[in-house]
Amino acid sequence: MDLSQIIFEHWHVKVVSAVLILAAWIDGKELRVPNWITFPMVLSGLVYSTCVGGLSGLSAGLLGMCVGLLTLMPLYAVGGMGAGDVKLMAGIGAWMGWKVTFAAFCVSTIVGAIMAVIMVLWRKSLQHHYANFLLILSEWMVIRNPYELSRIAAERKPTMLLLPYGIPICIGTIGYFMYSGMM
């Protein structure tokens, strides 16, 4: 296998991976994934999907984008996730389609859960965060209004240990790419 084959084979997966690494780095530093990363990622993914598959490619990209949005939208709606993370998943969907996006989301969720547990244990704040977890769970069971849940979450945010979720998205997605032989 020559160098050009290594570079150009699955080049779209490498582009998505590079964007995810940049987004994770920024999210780790600033606790946000900026729009100047997410919007071009979504739009270029839709252009790529259209160029590769025509109108059916555009449909696949749009479906992937919607799946990416829907995976994290419920957590965003109640204040448990930033909008940049949601748009980052939409960008993965626009480039990769719904099946890969959903699988990457599942792996990212596991990575995020492991990272959250490690962060809590590292800071020796298990009791505090376990109590917050139980409180949030009870609020979700009792309060049905997502606006109210979001307002409560915003008030609680300063007392919470925040996980820059772009990092688990990056690790989980690239890990899935490697596992599935796309890289």
C-alpha atoms as a PDB file:
ATOM      1  CA  MET A   1       0.000   0.000   0.000  1.00  0.00           C
ATOM      2  CA  ASP A   2       1.562   3.299  -1.085  1.00  0.00           C
ATOM      3  CA  LEU A   3       1.297   6.652   0.681  1.00  0.00           C
ATOM      4  CA  SER A   4      -1.367   8.098  -1.621  1.00  0.00           C
ATOM      5  CA  GLN A   5      -3.565   5.064  -1.034  1.00  0.00           C
ATOM      6  CA  ILE A   6      -3.157   5.449   2.744  1.00  0.00           C
ATOM      7  CA  ILE A   7      -4.060   9.143   2.533  1.00  0.00           C
ATOM      8  CA  PHE A   8      -6.987   8.943   0.116  1.00  0.00           C
ATOM      9  CA  GLU A   9      -8.624   5.680   1.179  1.00  0.00           C
ATOM     10  CA  HIS A  10     -11.552   6.584   3.433  1.00  0.00           C
ATOM     11  CA  TRP A  11     -10.441  10.221   3.288  1.00  0.00           C
ATOM     12  CA  HIS A  12     -13.843  11.407   4.508  1.00  0.00           C
ATOM     13  CA  VAL A  13     -13.394   9.402   7.726  1.00  0.00           C
ATOM     14  CA  LYS A  14     -10.027  11.092   8.241  1.00  0.00           C
ATOM     15  CA  VAL A  15     -11.565  14.539   7.680  1.00  0.00           C
ATOM     16  CA  VAL A  16     -14.305  13.833  10.237  1.00  0.00           C
ATOM     17  CA  SER A  17     -11.694  12.475  12.670  1.00  0.00           C
ATOM     18  CA  ALA A  18      -9.528  15.593  12.317  1.00  0.00           C
ATOM     19  CA  VAL A  19     -12.516  17.859  12.972  1.00  0.00           C
ATOM     20  CA  LEU A  20     -13.486  15.768  16.009  1.00  0.00           C
ATOM     21  CA  ILE A  21      -9.960  16.021  17.429  1.00  0.00           C
ATOM     22  CA  LEU A  22      -9.990  19.803  17.015  1.00  0.00           C
ATOM     23  CA  ALA A  23     -13.470  20.059  18.573  1.00  0.00           C
ATOM     24  CA  ALA A  24     -12.445  17.854  21.522  1.00  0.00           C
ATOM     25  CA  TRP A  25      -9.323  19.935  22.115  1.00  0.00           C
ATOM     26  CA  ILE A  26     -11.303  23.189  22.142  1.00  0.00           C
ATOM     27  CA  ASP A  27     -14.074  21.679  24.284  1.00  0.00           C
ATOM     28  CA  GLY A  28     -11.475  20.463  26.775  1.00  0.00           C
ATOM     29  CA  LYS A  29     -10.030  23.971  27.061  1.00  0.00           C
ATOM     30  CA  GLU A  30     -13.170  26.117  26.820  1.00  0.00           C
ATOM     31  CA  LEU A  31     -16.084  23.782  27.702  1.00  0.00           C
ATOM     32  CA  ARG A  32     -17.753  24.563  24.371  1.00  0.00           C
ATOM     33  CA  VAL A  33     -17.706  23.420  20.762  1.00  0.00           C
ATOM     34  CA  PRO A  34     -17.868  26.584  18.625  1.00  0.00           C
ATOM     35  CA  ASN A  35     -20.216  27.135  15.707  1.00  0.00           C
ATOM     36  CA  TRP A  36     -17.293  27.826  13.373  1.00  0.00           C
ATOM     37  CA  ILE A  37     -16.543  24.094  13.657  1.00  0.00           C
ATOM     38  CA  THR A  38     -20.032  22.603  13.745  1.00  0.00           C
ATOM     39  CA  PHE A  39     -21.860  24.541  11.019  1.00  0.00           C
ATOM     40  CA  PRO A  40     -19.189  24.004   8.333  1.00  0.00           C
ATOM     41  CA  MET A  41     -18.976  20.353   9.371  1.00  0.00           C
ATOM     42  CA  VAL A  42     -22.715  19.863   8.845  1.00  0.00           C
ATOM     43  CA  LEU A  43     -22.817  21.787   5.555  1.00  0.00           C
ATOM     44  CA  SER A  44     -19.708  20.158   4.099  1.00  0.00           C
ATOM     45  CA  GLY A  45     -21.049  16.750   5.133  1.00  0.00           C
ATOM     46  CA  LEU A  46     -24.276  17.389   3.244  1.00  0.00           C
ATOM     47  CA  VAL A  47     -22.279  18.556   0.202  1.00  0.00           C
ATOM     48  CA  TYR A  48     -20.077  15.449   0.427  1.00  0.00           C
ATOM     49  CA  SER A  49     -23.084  13.139   0.745  1.00  0.00           C
ATOM     50  CA  THR A  50     -24.727  14.798  -2.278  1.00  0.00           C
ATOM     51  CA  CYS A  51     -21.557  14.588  -4.385  1.00  0.00           C
ATOM     52  CA  VAL A  52     -21.095  10.911  -3.564  1.00  0.00           C
ATOM     53  CA  GLY A  53     -24.710   9.795  -3.888  1.00  0.00           C
ATOM     54  CA  GLY A  54     -26.746  12.464  -5.650  1.00  0.00           C
ATOM     55  CA  LEU A  55     -30.221  13.061  -4.245  1.00  0.00           C
ATOM     56  CA  SER A  56     -30.215   9.746  -2.393  1.00  0.00           C
ATOM     57  CA  GLY A  57     -26.859  10.765  -0.900  1.00  0.00           C
ATOM     58  CA  LEU A  58     -28.361  14.072   0.202  1.00  0.00           C
ATOM     59  CA  SER A  59     -31.253  12.140   1.764  1.00  0.00           C
ATOM     60  CA  ALA A  60     -28.778   9.876   3.562  1.00  0.00           C
ATOM     61  CA  GLY A  61     -26.834  12.901   4.814  1.00  0.00           C
ATOM     62  CA  LEU A  62     -29.991  14.628   6.020  1.00  0.00           C
ATOM     63  CA  LEU A  63     -31.182  11.480   7.768  1.00  0.00           C
ATOM     64  CA  GLY A  64     -27.772  11.073   9.400  1.00  0.00           C
ATOM     65  CA  MET A  65     -27.821  14.717  10.472  1.00  0.00           C
ATOM     66  CA  CYS A  66     -31.279  14.266  12.028  1.00  0.00           C
ATOM     67  CA  VAL A  67     -30.201  11.100  13.854  1.00  0.00           C
ATOM     68  CA  GLY A  68     -27.142  12.958  15.151  1.00  0.00           C
ATOM     69  CA  LEU A  69     -29.353  15.787  16.408  1.00  0.00           C
ATOM     70  CA  LEU A  70     -31.902  13.455  17.963  1.00  0.00           C
ATOM     71  CA  THR A  71     -29.348  11.394  19.891  1.00  0.00           C
ATOM     72  CA  LEU A  72     -28.321  14.285  22.139  1.00  0.00           C
ATOM     73  CA  MET A  73     -31.280  16.648  21.820  1.00  0.00           C
ATOM     74  CA  PRO A  74     -33.157  15.238  24.844  1.00  0.00           C
ATOM     75  CA  LEU A  75     -30.185  15.914  27.134  1.00  0.00           C
ATOM     76  CA  TYR A  76     -29.707  19.361  25.628  1.00  0.00           C
ATOM     77  CA  ALA A  77     -33.416  20.145  26.111  1.00  0.00           C
ATOM     78  CA  VAL A  78     -33.161  19.624  29.862  1.00  0.00           C
ATOM     79  CA  GLY A  79     -29.834  21.446  30.266  1.00  0.00           C
ATOM     80  CA  GLY A  80     -27.573  18.413  30.517  1.00  0.00           C
ATOM     81  CA  MET A  81     -25.653  18.969  27.284  1.00  0.00           C
ATOM     82  CA  GLY A  82     -24.317  21.886  25.286  1.00  0.00           C
ATOM     83  CA  ALA A  83     -25.675  22.802  21.862  1.00  0.00           C
ATOM     84  CA  GLY A  84     -22.209  22.441  20.320  1.00  0.00           C
ATOM     85  CA  ASP A  85     -22.115  18.755  21.258  1.00  0.00           C
ATOM     86  CA  VAL A  86     -25.502  18.222  19.616  1.00  0.00           C
ATOM     87  CA  LYS A  87     -24.385  19.993  16.426  1.00  0.00           C
ATOM     88  CA  LEU A  88     -21.141  17.997  16.433  1.00  0.00           C
ATOM     89  CA  MET A  89     -23.158  14.758  16.331  1.00  0.00           C
ATOM     90  CA  ALA A  90     -25.249  16.265  13.515  1.00  0.00           C
ATOM     91  CA  GLY A  91     -22.037  16.897  11.598  1.00  0.00           C
ATOM     92  CA  ILE A  92     -20.969  13.288  12.042  1.00  0.00           C
ATOM     93  CA  GLY A  93     -24.373  12.255  10.727  1.00  0.00           C
ATOM     94  CA  ALA A  94     -24.177  14.521   7.675  1.00  0.00           C
ATOM     95  CA  TRP A  95     -20.835  12.981   6.701  1.00  0.00           C
ATOM     96  CA  MET A  96     -21.294   9.369   7.793  1.00  0.00           C
ATOM     97  CA  GLY A  97     -25.009   8.555   7.604  1.00  0.00           C
ATOM     98  CA  TRP A  98     -27.394   7.399  10.281  1.00  0.00           C
ATOM     99  CA  LYS A  99     -26.053   3.894  11.021  1.00  0.00           C
ATOM    100  CA  VAL A 100     -22.479   4.966  11.691  1.00  0.00           C
ATOM    101  CA  THR A 101     -23.714   8.003  13.627  1.00  0.00           C
ATOM    102  CA  PHE A 102     -25.952   5.951  15.882  1.00  0.00           C
ATOM    103  CA  ALA A 103     -23.170   3.417  16.542  1.00  0.00           C
ATOM    104  CA  ALA A 104     -20.717   6.244  17.269  1.00  0.00           C
ATOM    105  CA  PHE A 105     -23.258   7.782  19.651  1.00  0.00           C
ATOM    106  CA  CYS A 106     -23.610   4.469  21.526  1.00  0.00           C
ATOM    107  CA  VAL A 107     -19.845   4.098  21.926  1.00  0.00           C
ATOM    108  CA  SER A 108     -19.495   7.777  22.882  1.00  0.00           C
ATOM    109  CA  THR A 109     -22.124   7.326  25.581  1.00  0.00           C
ATOM    110  CA  ILE A 110     -20.122   4.491  27.138  1.00  0.00           C
ATOM    111  CA  VAL A 111     -16.901   6.527  26.919  1.00  0.00           C
ATOM    112  CA  GLY A 112     -18.663   9.537  28.458  1.00  0.00           C
ATOM    113  CA  ALA A 113     -20.047   7.483  31.326  1.00  0.00           C
ATOM    114  CA  ILE A 114     -16.622   6.027  32.088  1.00  0.00           C
ATOM    115  CA  MET A 115     -15.016   9.477  31.931  1.00  0.00           C
ATOM    116  CA  ALA A 116     -17.674  10.929  34.248  1.00  0.00           C
ATOM    117  CA  VAL A 117     -17.154   8.199  36.832  1.00  0.00           C
ATOM    118  CA  ILE A 118     -13.372   8.635  36.675  1.00  0.00           C
ATOM    119  CA  MET A 119     -13.699  12.426  37.064  1.00  0.00           C
ATOM    120  CA  VAL A 120     -15.963  12.050  40.102  1.00  0.00           C
ATOM    121  CA  LEU A 121     -13.717   9.448  41.734  1.00  0.00           C
ATOM    122  CA  TRP A 122     -10.576  11.488  40.972  1.00  0.00           C
ATOM    123  CA  ARG A 123     -12.053  14.530  42.722  1.00  0.00           C
ATOM    124  CA  LYS A 124     -13.313  12.378  45.584  1.00  0.00           C
ATOM    125  CA  SER A 125     -16.805  13.825  45.232  1.00  0.00           C
ATOM    126  CA  LEU A 126     -18.821  10.659  44.786  1.00  0.00           C
ATOM    127  CA  GLN A 127     -21.379  11.425  47.497  1.00  0.00           C
ATOM    128  CA  HIS A 128     -22.063  14.934  46.196  1.00  0.00           C
ATOM    129  CA  HIS A 129     -22.497  13.825  42.593  1.00  0.00           C
ATOM    130  CA  TYR A 130     -24.467  10.712  43.493  1.00  0.00           C
ATOM    131  CA  ALA A 131     -26.890  12.911  45.460  1.00  0.00           C
ATOM    132  CA  ASN A 132     -27.132  15.264  42.458  1.00  0.00           C
ATOM    133  CA  PHE A 133     -27.759  12.281  40.188  1.00  0.00           C
ATOM    134  CA  LEU A 134     -30.624  11.072  42.385  1.00  0.00           C
ATOM    135  CA  LEU A 135     -32.059  14.598  42.545  1.00  0.00           C
ATOM    136  CA  ILE A 136     -31.917  14.978  38.748  1.00  0.00           C
ATOM    137  CA  LEU A 137     -33.480  11.552  38.263  1.00  0.00           C
ATOM    138  CA  SER A 138     -36.340  12.401  40.611  1.00  0.00           C
ATOM    139  CA  GLU A 139     -36.859  15.743  38.834  1.00  0.00           C
ATOM    140  CA  TRP A 140     -37.094  13.943  35.478  1.00  0.00           C
ATOM    141  CA  MET A 141     -39.696  11.593  36.932  1.00  0.00           C
ATOM    142  CA  VAL A 142     -41.817  14.362  38.462  1.00  0.00           C
ATOM    143  CA  ILE A 143     -41.323  17.438  36.267  1.00  0.00           C
ATOM    144  CA  ARG A 144     -42.561  16.888  32.722  1.00  0.00           C
ATOM    145  CA  ASN A 145     -41.832  20.369  31.375  1.00  0.00           C
ATOM    146  CA  PRO A 146     -38.423  20.443  29.609  1.00  0.00           C
ATOM    147  CA  TYR A 147     -38.230  24.241  30.002  1.00  0.00           C
ATOM    148  CA  GLU A 148     -38.558  23.901  33.760  1.00  0.00           C
ATOM    149  CA  LEU A 149     -35.960  21.097  33.818  1.00  0.00           C
ATOM    150  CA  SER A 150     -33.617  23.294  31.773  1.00  0.00           C
ATOM    151  CA  ARG A 151     -34.100  26.226  34.155  1.00  0.00           C
ATOM    152  CA  ILE A 152     -33.367  24.028  37.181  1.00  0.00           C
ATOM    153  CA  ALA A 153     -30.291  22.581  35.469  1.00  0.00           C
ATOM    154  CA  ALA A 154     -28.975  26.083  34.701  1.00  0.00           C
ATOM    155  CA  GLU A 155     -29.286  27.002  38.386  1.00  0.00           C
ATOM    156  CA  ARG A 156     -27.499  23.814  39.429  1.00  0.00           C
ATOM    157  CA  LYS A 157     -24.731  24.071  36.790  1.00  0.00           C
ATOM    158  CA  PRO A 158     -22.224  26.014  38.962  1.00  0.00           C
ATOM    159  CA  THR A 159     -22.232  23.182  41.541  1.00  0.00           C
ATOM    160  CA  MET A 160     -21.727  20.425  38.977  1.00  0.00           C
ATOM    161  CA  LEU A 161     -18.558  18.844  37.649  1.00  0.00           C
ATOM    162  CA  LEU A 162     -18.842  19.507  33.900  1.00  0.00           C
ATOM    163  CA  LEU A 163     -17.730  16.954  31.328  1.00  0.00           C
ATOM    164  CA  PRO A 164     -16.600  18.455  28.008  1.00  0.00           C
ATOM    165  CA  TYR A 165     -18.641  15.980  25.969  1.00  0.00           C
ATOM    166  CA  GLY A 166     -16.763  16.720  22.738  1.00  0.00           C
ATOM    167  CA  ILE A 167     -13.987  14.510  24.153  1.00  0.00           C
ATOM    168  CA  PRO A 168     -16.133  11.360  24.556  1.00  0.00           C
ATOM    169  CA  ILE A 169     -17.713  12.052  21.157  1.00  0.00           C
ATOM    170  CA  CYS A 170     -14.239  12.197  19.616  1.00  0.00           C
ATOM    171  CA  ILE A 171     -12.887   9.108  21.391  1.00  0.00           C
ATOM    172  CA  GLY A 172     -16.066   7.085  20.874  1.00  0.00           C
ATOM    173  CA  THR A 173     -16.470   7.979  17.208  1.00  0.00           C
ATOM    174  CA  ILE A 174     -12.840   7.457  16.220  1.00  0.00           C
ATOM    175  CA  GLY A 175     -12.811   4.270  18.280  1.00  0.00           C
ATOM    176  CA  TYR A 176     -15.844   3.064  16.351  1.00  0.00           C
ATOM    177  CA  PHE A 177     -14.180   4.013  13.042  1.00  0.00           C
ATOM    178  CA  MET A 178     -11.157   1.908  14.002  1.00  0.00           C
ATOM    179  CA  TYR A 179     -13.222  -1.001  15.292  1.00  0.00           C
ATOM    180  CA  SER A 180     -15.309  -1.134  12.131  1.00  0.00           C
ATOM    181  CA  GLY A 181     -12.249  -1.002   9.840  1.00  0.00           C
ATOM    182  CA  MET A 182     -12.930   2.461   8.460  1.00  0.00           C
ATOM    183  CA  MET A 183      -9.487   3.720   9.498  1.00  0.00           C
END
